[in-house]
Structure formats: C-alpha cells, structure tokens
Amino acid sequence: MTTVGRAMDPVGSNIVPEEEGDGAQHLDDLLEEFYSFMYEKAVLAGPTGTSPSKSKVTGKNKGGAGSPPRGSSLMHDTHNKQVVGGPSTTNAPVSTSLSREVMDALLPPKTWKDAQGKWQRMVSMLPATRTETQRLQETFDQLLKLHQARVHAICPVREKFFLQVFEELIREVSCECPERGLMLLRLHNELRLTVEAYQTLYHNSIAYGRQKAVQAEAGIGALEKEISRLKAERELLESKKKELTHKVMFLEKQHSEEEKKRQLRHAHTVQFLQTQCQELELFHREMTQDPTWK
C-alpha cells in the first residue's frame, strides 16, 4: 500500500478552473471523492432508506454525500479511471473475522439531518486497491493545495485531512486484520489526546501570559509614580550635595587663611619674646657686673 504522506506536491495543479464557480464545484468534487474512499453511499436511515443521487450535505459530511458505493461501476467516474494493478474492488477478500458491528465500533458511521430526514453513511468494509490508494494520495495533495494548508506550524486544515487519511489507513488495516486496526485506533486516540493536551497547555500559557501582562500594566502607573518620586528625591539630594560641597570648600579656605594668620601672629609673638628675652639677659649681665648696683 502506498504511503500517503506528502503535503504540498503540485499534483493536479493544472485542473483548477479559473472561474470561481467552477473552482468551488471542483473543490466539492474533490471533497466528495476524498470521503468516498472511506465511506459508502449515504442512505436515509429507516426502512424506506434510499440513496440520493446528487444531494449535497452541509457541514463536515458535505464531501462524499452523494458518492456511489464502493465496488460499483461509477466509482471515480469523474476521472474516467479504471482500477488496474491489483485485485478488483468487488473481488477483494474481506477478513472473515471483520463484521459490520466490529467496523462500526472501530469507526462509527457518519449521521446528519436535513430537510429529507436523517442520513447515515457507513464505513466501507472493502479494502482499497493500489490504484485507489494512489488516487487517494493525489486527491489528498490537491485538497491540501487548494485549501492552502500550511506545511509547518499549527494548521487546522492540514490536521483535519491528515486525521481523515489516518482513519482510512485504520479502515484498510482493519479489513485485513481487525486486531491491528484496533491497535492503530488506540495509537490514533493516544496521539489525538497528546495533541489536545499540548493545545490546552498552549492556550493556558497564552491566558497566563495575558493575565501577567494585564497585572504588569496595572502596576505600571504606581511604578512610574515611584520612579518620578525617586528621581525628584535624587535631584534634591544632588543639589544638597553641591551646596554642602561649596560650603566645605569655603570653610577649608577660611580655615587655611585663619591658620596662616595664626601662624604669622605666633611668629611675631615668638620674635618679640625672643628680643625681649635677649634685652633682659643683657640688662641682667650689666647689673651683675656693676659693683655700685647694690
């Protein structure tokens, strides 16, 4: 079985009509063919169930609502292709252990309502041929291209089509071995839960970030006021610092001048006292040497 894994190959890029109406019709045909690989023809639920020939269904079950059942001669009649290179669809062997109840338990049928009543589309129990798988891959690539699905990052369109192809792989494996199909279904559900957990974590992270941003914005006003107050206080302190610096310089200069004057007075006093001391010593010698002085 050919692996369906390419995302943006330019398959069928030359078949998109230029007119908008034709493009929408072509897209509907591709969706119908894409879903017809997995599901049988839609029927009205009930004893008078009939198959619509050209009915259109809104919603996610729009594509493939009026597609013919698998194994009929009208399968893929839009592309005029004939199944070759593998066993025919009508003669493809179906696992004896696979029943409709098991298939419905693995992949439940699609149901919807419209003006005509309640419709039901069962999952096909016939395995796909190699040619059908190749056609599924081409249709898959064309749908990704027409819907402009992103190759990287989160893309709901790409996720939807990949999940549909994954379910088709589960169906084909279940046709051969229901046990392997069940294992693939468990893997599918586990991966889906993991992706949902990551998405929940991502959205919670965004909400937490927004909450913190709102809280930060709420505190910006108070912080700006505090910053303005601190700046004003800093300017006041700087002006006081300059004033005190000038005062210190003035006091140092005044002290230096007074110190010089004090030293000068001290020098004059010392010189006067020394001169007076010398005169007194001279007078004392003269008096002691004079015999008449007594």
C-alpha atoms as a PDB file:
ATOM      1  CA  MET A   1       0.000   0.000   0.000  1.00  0.00           C
ATOM      2  CA  THR A   2       1.358   3.370  -0.985  1.00  0.00           C
ATOM      3  CA  THR A   3       2.054   5.663   1.959  1.00  0.00           C
ATOM      4  CA  VAL A   4       0.029   8.868   1.938  1.00  0.00           C
ATOM      5  CA  GLY A   5       2.380  11.401   3.480  1.00  0.00           C
ATOM      6  CA  ARG A   6       3.149  14.202   1.038  1.00  0.00           C
ATOM      7  CA  ALA A   7       1.702  17.568   1.928  1.00  0.00           C
ATOM      8  CA  MET A   8       2.204  20.109  -0.837  1.00  0.00           C
ATOM      9  CA  ASP A   9       3.147  18.279  -4.046  1.00  0.00           C
ATOM     10  CA  PRO A  10       1.839  20.143  -7.084  1.00  0.00           C
ATOM     11  CA  VAL A  11      -0.454  17.287  -8.083  1.00  0.00           C
ATOM     12  CA  GLY A  12      -3.310  18.323 -10.279  1.00  0.00           C
ATOM     13  CA  SER A  13      -2.331  21.985 -10.187  1.00  0.00           C
ATOM     14  CA  ASN A  14      -3.446  22.417 -13.790  1.00  0.00           C
ATOM     15  CA  ILE A  15      -7.004  21.208 -13.252  1.00  0.00           C
ATOM     16  CA  VAL A  16      -8.227  24.121 -11.122  1.00  0.00           C
ATOM     17  CA  PRO A  17     -10.648  26.201 -13.237  1.00  0.00           C
ATOM     18  CA  GLU A  18     -10.103  29.903 -13.490  1.00  0.00           C
ATOM     19  CA  GLU A  19     -13.727  30.852 -12.797  1.00  0.00           C
ATOM     20  CA  GLU A  20     -14.744  30.982  -9.166  1.00  0.00           C
ATOM     21  CA  GLY A  21     -17.907  28.927  -9.615  1.00  0.00           C
ATOM     22  CA  ASP A  22     -16.066  26.142 -11.421  1.00  0.00           C
ATOM     23  CA  GLY A  23     -13.354  26.215  -8.746  1.00  0.00           C
ATOM     24  CA  ALA A  24     -15.917  25.753  -5.976  1.00  0.00           C
ATOM     25  CA  GLN A  25     -17.556  22.899  -7.891  1.00  0.00           C
ATOM     26  CA  HIS A  26     -14.178  21.267  -8.466  1.00  0.00           C
ATOM     27  CA  LEU A  27     -13.374  21.574  -4.765  1.00  0.00           C
ATOM     28  CA  ASP A  28     -16.705  19.963  -3.857  1.00  0.00           C
ATOM     29  CA  ASP A  29     -15.984  17.120  -6.271  1.00  0.00           C
ATOM     30  CA  LEU A  30     -12.561  16.566  -4.713  1.00  0.00           C
ATOM     31  CA  LEU A  31     -14.049  16.516  -1.215  1.00  0.00           C
ATOM     32  CA  GLU A  32     -16.743  14.094  -2.350  1.00  0.00           C
ATOM     33  CA  GLU A  33     -14.164  11.798  -3.895  1.00  0.00           C
ATOM     34  CA  PHE A  34     -11.882  12.119  -0.854  1.00  0.00           C
ATOM     35  CA  TYR A  35     -14.593  10.961   1.549  1.00  0.00           C
ATOM     36  CA  SER A  36     -15.883   8.300  -0.841  1.00  0.00           C
ATOM     37  CA  PHE A  37     -12.674   6.281  -0.368  1.00  0.00           C
ATOM     38  CA  MET A  38     -13.648   5.549   3.232  1.00  0.00           C
ATOM     39  CA  TYR A  39     -17.447   5.749   3.334  1.00  0.00           C
ATOM     40  CA  GLU A  40     -20.179   4.009   1.433  1.00  0.00           C
ATOM     41  CA  LYS A  41     -23.015   5.784  -0.299  1.00  0.00           C
ATOM     42  CA  ALA A  42     -25.198   7.859   2.026  1.00  0.00           C
ATOM     43  CA  VAL A  43     -28.662   6.442   2.693  1.00  0.00           C
ATOM     44  CA  LEU A  44     -31.722   7.583   4.582  1.00  0.00           C
ATOM     45  CA  ALA A  45     -31.875   5.862   7.952  1.00  0.00           C
ATOM     46  CA  GLY A  46     -35.044   3.735   8.253  1.00  0.00           C
ATOM     47  CA  PRO A  47     -36.949   1.036   6.379  1.00  0.00           C
ATOM     48  CA  THR A  48     -37.563   3.339   3.387  1.00  0.00           C
ATOM     49  CA  GLY A  49     -33.933   4.322   3.075  1.00  0.00           C
ATOM     50  CA  THR A  50     -32.964   5.479  -0.384  1.00  0.00           C
ATOM     51  CA  SER A  51     -29.744   6.749  -1.768  1.00  0.00           C
ATOM     52  CA  PRO A  52     -29.639  10.366  -3.018  1.00  0.00           C
ATOM     53  CA  SER A  53     -28.117  10.707  -6.425  1.00  0.00           C
ATOM     54  CA  LYS A  54     -26.894  14.300  -6.335  1.00  0.00           C
ATOM     55  CA  SER A  55     -27.706  15.571  -2.838  1.00  0.00           C
ATOM     56  CA  LYS A  56     -25.313  17.958  -1.114  1.00  0.00           C
ATOM     57  CA  VAL A  57     -24.736  17.879   2.608  1.00  0.00           C
ATOM     58  CA  THR A  58     -23.649  20.803   4.700  1.00  0.00           C
ATOM     59  CA  GLY A  59     -21.063  20.633   7.437  1.00  0.00           C
ATOM     60  CA  LYS A  60     -18.191  18.260   7.768  1.00  0.00           C
ATOM     61  CA  ASN A  61     -20.065  15.458   5.939  1.00  0.00           C
ATOM     62  CA  LYS A  62     -20.617  17.545   2.824  1.00  0.00           C
ATOM     63  CA  GLY A  63     -17.966  15.801   0.804  1.00  0.00           C
ATOM     64  CA  GLY A  64     -18.971  12.374  -0.429  1.00  0.00           C
ATOM     65  CA  ALA A  65     -22.641  12.625   0.477  1.00  0.00           C
ATOM     66  CA  GLY A  66     -23.782  11.507  -2.935  1.00  0.00           C
ATOM     67  CA  SER A  67     -20.837   9.360  -3.975  1.00  0.00           C
ATOM     68  CA  PRO A  68     -21.615   5.880  -5.338  1.00  0.00           C
ATOM     69  CA  PRO A  69     -20.918   2.798  -3.214  1.00  0.00           C
ATOM     70  CA  ARG A  70     -17.534   1.166  -3.407  1.00  0.00           C
ATOM     71  CA  GLY A  71     -17.344  -1.585  -5.982  1.00  0.00           C
ATOM     72  CA  SER A  72     -19.882  -0.068  -8.362  1.00  0.00           C
ATOM     73  CA  SER A  73     -19.114   0.825 -11.957  1.00  0.00           C
ATOM     74  CA  LEU A  74     -19.476   4.546 -11.198  1.00  0.00           C
ATOM     75  CA  MET A  75     -16.575   4.653  -8.771  1.00  0.00           C
ATOM     76  CA  HIS A  76     -14.169   7.506  -9.736  1.00  0.00           C
ATOM     77  CA  ASP A  77     -16.183   8.120 -12.895  1.00  0.00           C
ATOM     78  CA  THR A  78     -15.241  11.802 -12.695  1.00  0.00           C
ATOM     79  CA  HIS A  79     -11.673  10.987 -13.651  1.00  0.00           C
ATOM     80  CA  ASN A  80     -12.507   8.136 -16.074  1.00  0.00           C
ATOM     81  CA  LYS A  81     -10.016   5.837 -14.397  1.00  0.00           C
ATOM     82  CA  GLN A  82     -10.221   2.078 -14.333  1.00  0.00           C
ATOM     83  CA  VAL A  83      -8.777   0.050 -11.461  1.00  0.00           C
ATOM     84  CA  VAL A  84      -5.691  -1.832 -12.586  1.00  0.00           C
ATOM     85  CA  GLY A  85      -2.608  -3.242 -10.953  1.00  0.00           C
ATOM     86  CA  GLY A  86      -4.281  -5.137  -8.118  1.00  0.00           C
ATOM     87  CA  PRO A  87      -7.350  -7.131  -7.225  1.00  0.00           C
ATOM     88  CA  SER A  88     -10.644  -5.591  -8.182  1.00  0.00           C
ATOM     89  CA  THR A  89     -12.756  -3.949  -5.502  1.00  0.00           C
ATOM     90  CA  THR A  90     -15.648  -6.360  -5.914  1.00  0.00           C
ATOM     91  CA  ASN A  91     -13.381  -9.395  -5.638  1.00  0.00           C
ATOM     92  CA  ALA A  92     -11.189  -8.062  -2.806  1.00  0.00           C
ATOM     93  CA  PRO A  93     -11.146 -10.506   0.099  1.00  0.00           C
ATOM     94  CA  VAL A  94     -12.639  -9.309   3.365  1.00  0.00           C
ATOM     95  CA  SER A  95     -11.481 -10.696   6.695  1.00  0.00           C
ATOM     96  CA  THR A  96     -13.955 -13.273   7.945  1.00  0.00           C
ATOM     97  CA  SER A  97     -13.481 -12.023  11.499  1.00  0.00           C
ATOM     98  CA  LEU A  98     -14.476  -8.481  10.498  1.00  0.00           C
ATOM     99  CA  SER A  99     -18.165  -7.787  10.859  1.00  0.00           C
ATOM    100  CA  ARG A 100     -20.259  -4.689  10.485  1.00  0.00           C
ATOM    101  CA  GLU A 101     -20.538  -4.419  14.271  1.00  0.00           C
ATOM    102  CA  VAL A 102     -16.749  -4.523  14.658  1.00  0.00           C
ATOM    103  CA  MET A 103     -16.232  -1.923  11.927  1.00  0.00           C
ATOM    104  CA  ASP A 104     -18.886   0.360  13.426  1.00  0.00           C
ATOM    105  CA  ALA A 105     -17.205   0.007  16.817  1.00  0.00           C
ATOM    106  CA  LEU A 106     -13.821   0.930  15.341  1.00  0.00           C
ATOM    107  CA  LEU A 107     -15.052   3.687  13.025  1.00  0.00           C
ATOM    108  CA  PRO A 108     -18.640   4.793  13.735  1.00  0.00           C
ATOM    109  CA  PRO A 109     -20.784   5.809  10.750  1.00  0.00           C
ATOM    110  CA  LYS A 110     -21.490   9.446   9.991  1.00  0.00           C
ATOM    111  CA  THR A 111     -25.022  10.695  10.615  1.00  0.00           C
ATOM    112  CA  TRP A 112     -26.653  14.049   9.904  1.00  0.00           C
ATOM    113  CA  LYS A 113     -30.070  15.553   9.283  1.00  0.00           C
ATOM    114  CA  ASP A 114     -31.506  17.723   6.542  1.00  0.00           C
ATOM    115  CA  ALA A 115     -34.912  18.529   5.073  1.00  0.00           C
ATOM    116  CA  GLN A 116     -35.299  14.983   3.692  1.00  0.00           C
ATOM    117  CA  GLY A 117     -34.610  13.290   7.007  1.00  0.00           C
ATOM    118  CA  LYS A 118     -31.788  11.617   8.872  1.00  0.00           C
ATOM    119  CA  TRP A 119     -28.918  10.390   6.720  1.00  0.00           C
ATOM    120  CA  GLN A 120     -26.368   7.761   7.554  1.00  0.00           C
ATOM    121  CA  ARG A 121     -23.110   6.912   5.857  1.00  0.00           C
ATOM    122  CA  MET A 122     -21.454   3.649   6.802  1.00  0.00           C
ATOM    123  CA  VAL A 123     -17.740   2.953   6.697  1.00  0.00           C
ATOM    124  CA  SER A 124     -16.827   0.680   3.808  1.00  0.00           C
ATOM    125  CA  MET A 125     -15.627  -2.831   4.647  1.00  0.00           C
ATOM    126  CA  LEU A 126     -13.907  -3.421   1.301  1.00  0.00           C
ATOM    127  CA  PRO A 127     -10.111  -2.958   1.151  1.00  0.00           C
ATOM    128  CA  ALA A 128      -8.699  -0.405  -1.263  1.00  0.00           C
ATOM    129  CA  THR A 129      -6.633  -1.350  -4.283  1.00  0.00           C
ATOM    130  CA  ARG A 130      -3.233   0.069  -5.158  1.00  0.00           C
ATOM    131  CA  THR A 131      -4.728   2.364  -7.794  1.00  0.00           C
ATOM    132  CA  GLU A 132      -7.343   3.655  -5.377  1.00  0.00           C
ATOM    133  CA  THR A 133      -4.657   4.369  -2.798  1.00  0.00           C
ATOM    134  CA  GLN A 134      -2.631   6.278  -5.373  1.00  0.00           C
ATOM    135  CA  ARG A 135      -5.738   8.237  -6.333  1.00  0.00           C
ATOM    136  CA  LEU A 136      -6.378   8.957  -2.634  1.00  0.00           C
ATOM    137  CA  GLN A 137      -2.869  10.357  -2.350  1.00  0.00           C
ATOM    138  CA  GLU A 138      -3.385  12.587  -5.387  1.00  0.00           C
ATOM    139  CA  THR A 139      -6.739  13.830  -4.083  1.00  0.00           C
ATOM    140  CA  PHE A 140      -5.203  14.412  -0.664  1.00  0.00           C
ATOM    141  CA  ASP A 141      -2.385  16.524  -2.138  1.00  0.00           C
ATOM    142  CA  GLN A 142      -4.813  18.508  -4.288  1.00  0.00           C
ATOM    143  CA  LEU A 143      -7.044  19.288  -1.302  1.00  0.00           C
ATOM    144  CA  LEU A 144      -4.077  20.486   0.744  1.00  0.00           C
ATOM    145  CA  LYS A 145      -3.014  22.709  -2.135  1.00  0.00           C
ATOM    146  CA  LEU A 146      -6.479  24.132  -2.815  1.00  0.00           C
ATOM    147  CA  HIS A 147      -7.124  24.799   0.880  1.00  0.00           C
ATOM    148  CA  GLN A 148      -3.650  26.420   1.166  1.00  0.00           C
ATOM    149  CA  ALA A 149      -2.701  24.258   4.134  1.00  0.00           C
ATOM    150  CA  ARG A 150       0.456  25.342   5.913  1.00  0.00           C
ATOM    151  CA  VAL A 151       3.369  22.913   5.783  1.00  0.00           C
ATOM    152  CA  HIS A 152       4.696  23.943   9.195  1.00  0.00           C
ATOM    153  CA  ALA A 153       3.221  25.189  12.467  1.00  0.00           C
ATOM    154  CA  ILE A 154      -0.353  24.568  13.583  1.00  0.00           C
ATOM    155  CA  CYS A 155      -2.842  24.248  10.726  1.00  0.00           C
ATOM    156  CA  PRO A 156      -6.411  23.011  11.406  1.00  0.00           C
ATOM    157  CA  VAL A 157      -6.989  22.303   7.695  1.00  0.00           C
ATOM    158  CA  ARG A 158      -3.933  20.063   7.409  1.00  0.00           C
ATOM    159  CA  GLU A 159      -4.796  18.366  10.697  1.00  0.00           C
ATOM    160  CA  LYS A 160      -8.342  17.599   9.522  1.00  0.00           C
ATOM    161  CA  PHE A 161      -7.226  15.959   6.272  1.00  0.00           C
ATOM    162  CA  PHE A 162      -4.385  14.032   7.905  1.00  0.00           C
ATOM    163  CA  LEU A 163      -6.775  12.644  10.524  1.00  0.00           C
ATOM    164  CA  GLN A 164      -9.153  11.571   7.762  1.00  0.00           C
ATOM    165  CA  VAL A 165      -6.331   9.779   5.922  1.00  0.00           C
ATOM    166  CA  PHE A 166      -5.245   8.174   9.208  1.00  0.00           C
ATOM    167  CA  GLU A 167      -8.784   6.837   9.669  1.00  0.00           C
ATOM    168  CA  GLU A 168      -8.698   5.497   6.111  1.00  0.00           C
ATOM    169  CA  LEU A 169      -5.455   3.655   6.915  1.00  0.00           C
ATOM    170  CA  ILE A 170      -7.099   2.244  10.048  1.00  0.00           C
ATOM    171  CA  ARG A 171     -10.034   1.083   7.934  1.00  0.00           C
ATOM    172  CA  GLU A 172      -7.817  -0.616   5.357  1.00  0.00           C
ATOM    173  CA  VAL A 173      -5.762  -2.348   8.054  1.00  0.00           C
ATOM    174  CA  SER A 174      -8.955  -3.406   9.852  1.00  0.00           C
ATOM    175  CA  CYS A 175     -10.234  -5.013   6.654  1.00  0.00           C
ATOM    176  CA  GLU A 176      -7.214  -7.346   6.715  1.00  0.00           C
ATOM    177  CA  CYS A 177      -6.830  -7.729  10.494  1.00  0.00           C
ATOM    178  CA  PRO A 178      -9.245  -6.141  12.989  1.00  0.00           C
ATOM    179  CA  GLU A 179      -6.728  -6.566  15.806  1.00  0.00           C
ATOM    180  CA  ARG A 180      -4.112  -4.457  14.011  1.00  0.00           C
ATOM    181  CA  GLY A 181      -6.811  -1.924  13.211  1.00  0.00           C
ATOM    182  CA  LEU A 182      -7.679  -1.734  16.903  1.00  0.00           C
ATOM    183  CA  MET A 183      -4.026  -1.115  17.767  1.00  0.00           C
ATOM    184  CA  LEU A 184      -3.838   1.651  15.166  1.00  0.00           C
ATOM    185  CA  LEU A 185      -7.053   3.149  16.537  1.00  0.00           C
ATOM    186  CA  ARG A 186      -5.569   3.160  20.044  1.00  0.00           C
ATOM    187  CA  LEU A 187      -2.463   4.848  18.651  1.00  0.00           C
ATOM    188  CA  HIS A 188      -4.669   7.372  16.837  1.00  0.00           C
ATOM    189  CA  ASN A 189      -6.599   8.184  20.018  1.00  0.00           C
ATOM    190  CA  GLU A 190      -3.413   8.459  22.088  1.00  0.00           C
ATOM    191  CA  LEU A 191      -1.853  10.871  19.592  1.00  0.00           C
ATOM    192  CA  ARG A 192      -5.073  12.880  19.484  1.00  0.00           C
ATOM    193  CA  LEU A 193      -5.145  13.141  23.284  1.00  0.00           C
ATOM    194  CA  THR A 194      -1.483  14.170  23.295  1.00  0.00           C
ATOM    195  CA  VAL A 195      -2.115  16.902  20.732  1.00  0.00           C
ATOM    196  CA  GLU A 196      -5.158  18.097  22.679  1.00  0.00           C
ATOM    197  CA  ALA A 197      -3.073  18.198  25.868  1.00  0.00           C
ATOM    198  CA  TYR A 198      -0.430  20.298  24.111  1.00  0.00           C
ATOM    199  CA  GLN A 199      -3.127  22.587  22.716  1.00  0.00           C
ATOM    200  CA  THR A 200      -4.656  23.001  26.183  1.00  0.00           C
ATOM    201  CA  LEU A 201      -1.235  23.760  27.610  1.00  0.00           C
ATOM    202  CA  TYR A 202      -0.609  26.263  24.813  1.00  0.00           C
ATOM    203  CA  HIS A 203      -3.908  28.070  25.381  1.00  0.00           C
ATOM    204  CA  ASN A 204      -3.387  28.068  29.166  1.00  0.00           C
ATOM    205  CA  SER A 205       0.087  29.516  28.652  1.00  0.00           C
ATOM    206  CA  ILE A 206      -1.350  32.270  26.461  1.00  0.00           C
ATOM    207  CA  ALA A 207      -4.027  33.032  29.066  1.00  0.00           C
ATOM    208  CA  TYR A 208      -1.425  33.080  31.834  1.00  0.00           C
ATOM    209  CA  GLY A 209       0.795  35.391  29.799  1.00  0.00           C
ATOM    210  CA  ARG A 210      -2.101  37.756  29.126  1.00  0.00           C
ATOM    211  CA  GLN A 211      -3.013  37.760  32.823  1.00  0.00           C
ATOM    212  CA  LYS A 212       0.547  38.625  33.780  1.00  0.00           C
ATOM    213  CA  ALA A 213       0.641  41.334  31.114  1.00  0.00           C
ATOM    214  CA  VAL A 214      -2.566  42.875  32.496  1.00  0.00           C
ATOM    215  CA  GLN A 215      -1.166  42.743  36.015  1.00  0.00           C
ATOM    216  CA  ALA A 216       2.050  44.338  34.820  1.00  0.00           C
ATOM    217  CA  GLU A 217       0.139  47.094  33.027  1.00  0.00           C
ATOM    218  CA  ALA A 218      -1.939  47.701  36.160  1.00  0.00           C
ATOM    219  CA  GLY A 219       1.227  48.232  38.224  1.00  0.00           C
ATOM    220  CA  ILE A 220       2.947  50.455  35.673  1.00  0.00           C
ATOM    221  CA  GLY A 221       1.224  53.628  36.966  1.00  0.00           C
ATOM    222  CA  ALA A 222       2.343  53.083  40.551  1.00  0.00           C
ATOM    223  CA  LEU A 223       5.857  52.220  39.402  1.00  0.00           C
ATOM    224  CA  GLU A 224       6.053  55.352  37.245  1.00  0.00           C
ATOM    225  CA  LYS A 225       4.959  57.495  40.208  1.00  0.00           C
ATOM    226  CA  GLU A 226       7.569  55.834  42.400  1.00  0.00           C
ATOM    227  CA  ILE A 227      10.219  56.415  39.739  1.00  0.00           C
ATOM    228  CA  SER A 228       9.253  60.104  39.474  1.00  0.00           C
ATOM    229  CA  ARG A 229       9.400  60.483  43.258  1.00  0.00           C
ATOM    230  CA  LEU A 230      12.797  58.827  43.457  1.00  0.00           C
ATOM    231  CA  LYS A 231      14.119  60.993  40.621  1.00  0.00           C
ATOM    232  CA  ALA A 232      12.929  64.162  42.387  1.00  0.00           C
ATOM    233  CA  GLU A 233      14.494  62.956  45.619  1.00  0.00           C
ATOM    234  CA  ARG A 234      17.736  62.227  43.805  1.00  0.00           C
ATOM    235  CA  GLU A 235      17.802  65.707  42.269  1.00  0.00           C
ATOM    236  CA  LEU A 236      17.173  67.245  45.709  1.00  0.00           C
ATOM    237  CA  LEU A 237      19.977  65.220  47.232  1.00  0.00           C
ATOM    238  CA  GLU A 238      22.313  66.160  44.384  1.00  0.00           C
ATOM    239  CA  SER A 239      21.552  69.867  44.927  1.00  0.00           C
ATOM    240  CA  LYS A 240      22.208  69.456  48.650  1.00  0.00           C
ATOM    241  CA  LYS A 241      25.423  67.676  47.833  1.00  0.00           C
ATOM    242  CA  LYS A 242      26.578  70.554  45.633  1.00  0.00           C
ATOM    243  CA  GLU A 243      25.628  73.080  48.317  1.00  0.00           C
ATOM    244  CA  LEU A 244      27.495  71.184  51.008  1.00  0.00           C
ATOM    245  CA  THR A 245      30.488  70.760  48.707  1.00  0.00           C
ATOM    246  CA  HIS A 246      30.701  74.520  48.159  1.00  0.00           C
ATOM    247  CA  LYS A 247      30.306  75.095  51.899  1.00  0.00           C
ATOM    248  CA  VAL A 248      33.096  72.652  52.712  1.00  0.00           C
ATOM    249  CA  MET A 249      35.367  74.314  50.175  1.00  0.00           C
ATOM    250  CA  PHE A 250      34.597  77.740  51.668  1.00  0.00           C
ATOM    251  CA  LEU A 251      35.252  76.514  55.220  1.00  0.00           C
ATOM    252  CA  GLU A 252      38.503  74.857  54.175  1.00  0.00           C
ATOM    253  CA  LYS A 253      39.651  78.078  52.522  1.00  0.00           C
ATOM    254  CA  GLN A 254      38.624  80.136  55.546  1.00  0.00           C
ATOM    255  CA  HIS A 255      40.375  77.736  57.894  1.00  0.00           C
ATOM    256  CA  SER A 256      43.507  77.866  55.764  1.00  0.00           C
ATOM    257  CA  GLU A 257      43.576  81.683  55.858  1.00  0.00           C
ATOM    258  CA  GLU A 258      42.985  81.753  59.603  1.00  0.00           C
ATOM    259  CA  GLU A 259      45.747  79.197  60.105  1.00  0.00           C
ATOM    260  CA  LYS A 260      48.150  81.353  58.147  1.00  0.00           C
ATOM    261  CA  LYS A 261      47.207  84.420  60.210  1.00  0.00           C
ATOM    262  CA  ARG A 262      47.594  82.485  63.458  1.00  0.00           C
ATOM    263  CA  GLN A 263      50.998  81.198  62.429  1.00  0.00           C
ATOM    264  CA  LEU A 264      52.039  84.733  61.468  1.00  0.00           C
ATOM    265  CA  ARG A 265      50.900  86.141  64.838  1.00  0.00           C
ATOM    266  CA  HIS A 266      52.630  83.302  66.594  1.00  0.00           C
ATOM    267  CA  ALA A 267      55.848  84.020  64.707  1.00  0.00           C
ATOM    268  CA  HIS A 268      55.649  87.738  65.607  1.00  0.00           C
ATOM    269  CA  THR A 269      54.983  86.911  69.238  1.00  0.00           C
ATOM    270  CA  VAL A 270      57.886  84.490  69.383  1.00  0.00           C
ATOM    271  CA  GLN A 271      60.203  87.023  67.787  1.00  0.00           C
ATOM    272  CA  PHE A 272      59.061  89.758  70.200  1.00  0.00           C
ATOM    273  CA  LEU A 273      59.556  87.487  73.184  1.00  0.00           C
ATOM    274  CA  GLN A 274      62.983  86.413  71.990  1.00  0.00           C
ATOM    275  CA  THR A 275      64.032  90.051  71.539  1.00  0.00           C
ATOM    276  CA  GLN A 276      62.724  90.944  74.976  1.00  0.00           C
ATOM    277  CA  CYS A 277      64.470  87.949  76.489  1.00  0.00           C
ATOM    278  CA  GLN A 278      67.776  88.993  74.954  1.00  0.00           C
ATOM    279  CA  GLU A 279      67.385  92.528  76.265  1.00  0.00           C
ATOM    280  CA  LEU A 280      66.601  91.259  79.746  1.00  0.00           C
ATOM    281  CA  GLU A 281      69.609  88.955  79.710  1.00  0.00           C
ATOM    282  CA  LEU A 282      71.826  91.829  78.623  1.00  0.00           C
ATOM    283  CA  PHE A 283      70.434  94.051  81.333  1.00  0.00           C
ATOM    284  CA  HIS A 284      70.934  91.329  83.891  1.00  0.00           C
ATOM    285  CA  ARG A 285      74.591  90.895  82.987  1.00  0.00           C
ATOM    286  CA  GLU A 286      75.179  94.579  83.139  1.00  0.00           C
ATOM    287  CA  MET A 287      73.618  94.830  86.525  1.00  0.00           C
ATOM    288  CA  THR A 288      75.546  91.924  87.950  1.00  0.00           C
ATOM    289  CA  GLN A 289      78.858  93.299  86.678  1.00  0.00           C
ATOM    290  CA  ASP A 290      78.302  96.831  88.061  1.00  0.00           C
ATOM    291  CA  PRO A 291      79.644  96.939  91.675  1.00  0.00           C
ATOM    292  CA  THR A 292      77.791 100.080  92.505  1.00  0.00           C
ATOM    293  CA  TRP A 293      74.476  98.391  91.974  1.00  0.00           C
ATOM    294  CA  LYS A 294      73.532  97.086  95.313  1.00  0.00           C
END
